[in-house]
């Protein structure tokens, strides 16, 4: 079983990482943001959380872009077809 993580543009505040995690888990975005902020303020792993967030913001694709590639909903491409000679 693989877990595909992604960012989303809709509902993003900074880069869409936490909104993408919330979308994947079926949660409201504020829940993941609250957990992240609580982890920053209460946890001892402040730098680790920041580093993971920055890495995710850099490496994770946007869901909209991934879906456009996967299902062909991106910009339409013109076919280079040969002319028909009668």
Protein backbone atom coordinates (compact mmCIF):
# COMPACT_ATOMS: atom_id res chain seq x y z
CA UNK A 1 0.00 0.00 0.00
CA UNK A 2 1.48 3.32 -1.03
CA UNK A 3 0.49 6.72 0.25
CA UNK A 4 0.55 9.44 -2.39
CA UNK A 5 0.97 12.83 -0.79
CA UNK A 6 0.40 16.03 -2.69
CA UNK A 7 -0.19 19.74 -2.29
CA UNK A 8 -3.43 21.47 -3.29
CA UNK A 9 -3.93 24.99 -4.57
CA UNK A 10 -7.49 25.36 -3.31
CA UNK A 11 -7.50 26.43 0.32
CA UNK A 12 -3.75 26.84 0.61
CA UNK A 13 -2.21 29.50 2.82
CA UNK A 14 1.54 29.10 2.30
CA UNK A 15 2.32 26.27 -0.10
CA UNK A 16 -0.63 23.89 0.14
CA UNK A 17 1.18 21.08 1.98
CA UNK A 18 -1.08 21.04 5.04
CA UNK A 19 -4.19 21.50 2.88
CA UNK A 20 -3.07 18.53 0.77
CA UNK A 21 -2.56 16.35 3.84
CA UNK A 22 -6.00 17.37 5.13
CA UNK A 23 -7.55 16.57 1.74
CA UNK A 24 -5.85 13.17 1.64
CA UNK A 25 -7.02 12.27 5.16
CA UNK A 26 -10.52 13.69 4.67
CA UNK A 27 -10.07 16.30 7.39
CA UNK A 28 -10.76 20.01 7.50
CA UNK A 29 -7.66 22.09 6.72
CA UNK A 30 -7.76 23.87 10.07
CA UNK A 31 -7.21 20.54 11.87
CA UNK A 32 -3.89 19.83 10.15
CA UNK A 33 -2.83 23.45 10.61
CA UNK A 34 -3.67 23.32 14.32
CA UNK A 35 -1.74 20.07 14.77
CA UNK A 36 1.25 21.53 12.91
CA UNK A 37 1.25 24.75 14.96
CA UNK A 38 0.83 22.79 18.20
CA UNK A 39 3.79 20.64 17.18
CA UNK A 40 5.84 23.76 16.53
CA UNK A 41 4.95 25.40 19.82
CA UNK A 42 4.85 22.41 22.16
CA UNK A 43 7.27 19.95 20.63
CA UNK A 44 11.02 19.78 20.84
CA UNK A 45 11.31 19.08 17.13
CA UNK A 46 10.76 22.63 15.85
CA UNK A 47 13.58 22.52 13.30
CA UNK A 48 12.63 19.02 12.13
CA UNK A 49 9.02 20.07 11.45
CA UNK A 50 10.16 23.17 9.58
CA UNK A 51 12.65 21.13 7.53
CA UNK A 52 10.00 18.52 6.68
CA UNK A 53 7.53 21.22 5.68
CA UNK A 54 10.06 22.94 3.42
CA UNK A 55 11.06 19.62 1.83
CA UNK A 56 7.40 18.73 1.24
CA UNK A 57 6.71 22.16 -0.24
CA UNK A 58 9.62 21.69 -2.63
CA UNK A 59 9.19 18.05 -3.65
CA UNK A 60 5.45 17.31 -3.52
CA UNK A 61 3.50 17.92 -6.72
CA UNK A 62 0.24 19.83 -6.84
CA UNK A 63 -2.76 17.50 -7.04
CA UNK A 64 -4.24 19.54 -9.86
CA UNK A 65 -1.07 19.20 -11.97
CA UNK A 66 -0.77 15.48 -11.24
CA UNK A 67 -4.41 14.89 -12.18
CA UNK A 68 -3.99 16.90 -15.39
CA UNK A 69 -1.06 14.71 -16.41
CA UNK A 70 -2.70 11.48 -15.32
CA UNK A 71 -6.14 12.03 -16.85
CA UNK A 72 -5.29 14.28 -19.78
CA UNK A 73 -7.13 17.37 -18.60
CA UNK A 74 -4.18 19.65 -19.19
CA UNK A 75 -3.73 21.94 -22.16
CA UNK A 76 -4.88 20.35 -25.38
CA UNK A 77 -2.19 19.33 -27.81
CA UNK A 78 -2.47 19.72 -31.56
CA UNK A 79 -1.87 16.53 -33.47
CA UNK A 80 0.56 16.72 -36.32
CA UNK A 81 -1.43 14.76 -38.88
CA UNK A 82 -0.63 14.23 -42.54
CA UNK A 83 -2.84 15.89 -45.12
CA UNK A 84 -5.26 13.64 -46.96
CA UNK A 85 -4.61 13.52 -50.72
CA UNK A 86 -7.51 12.60 -52.99
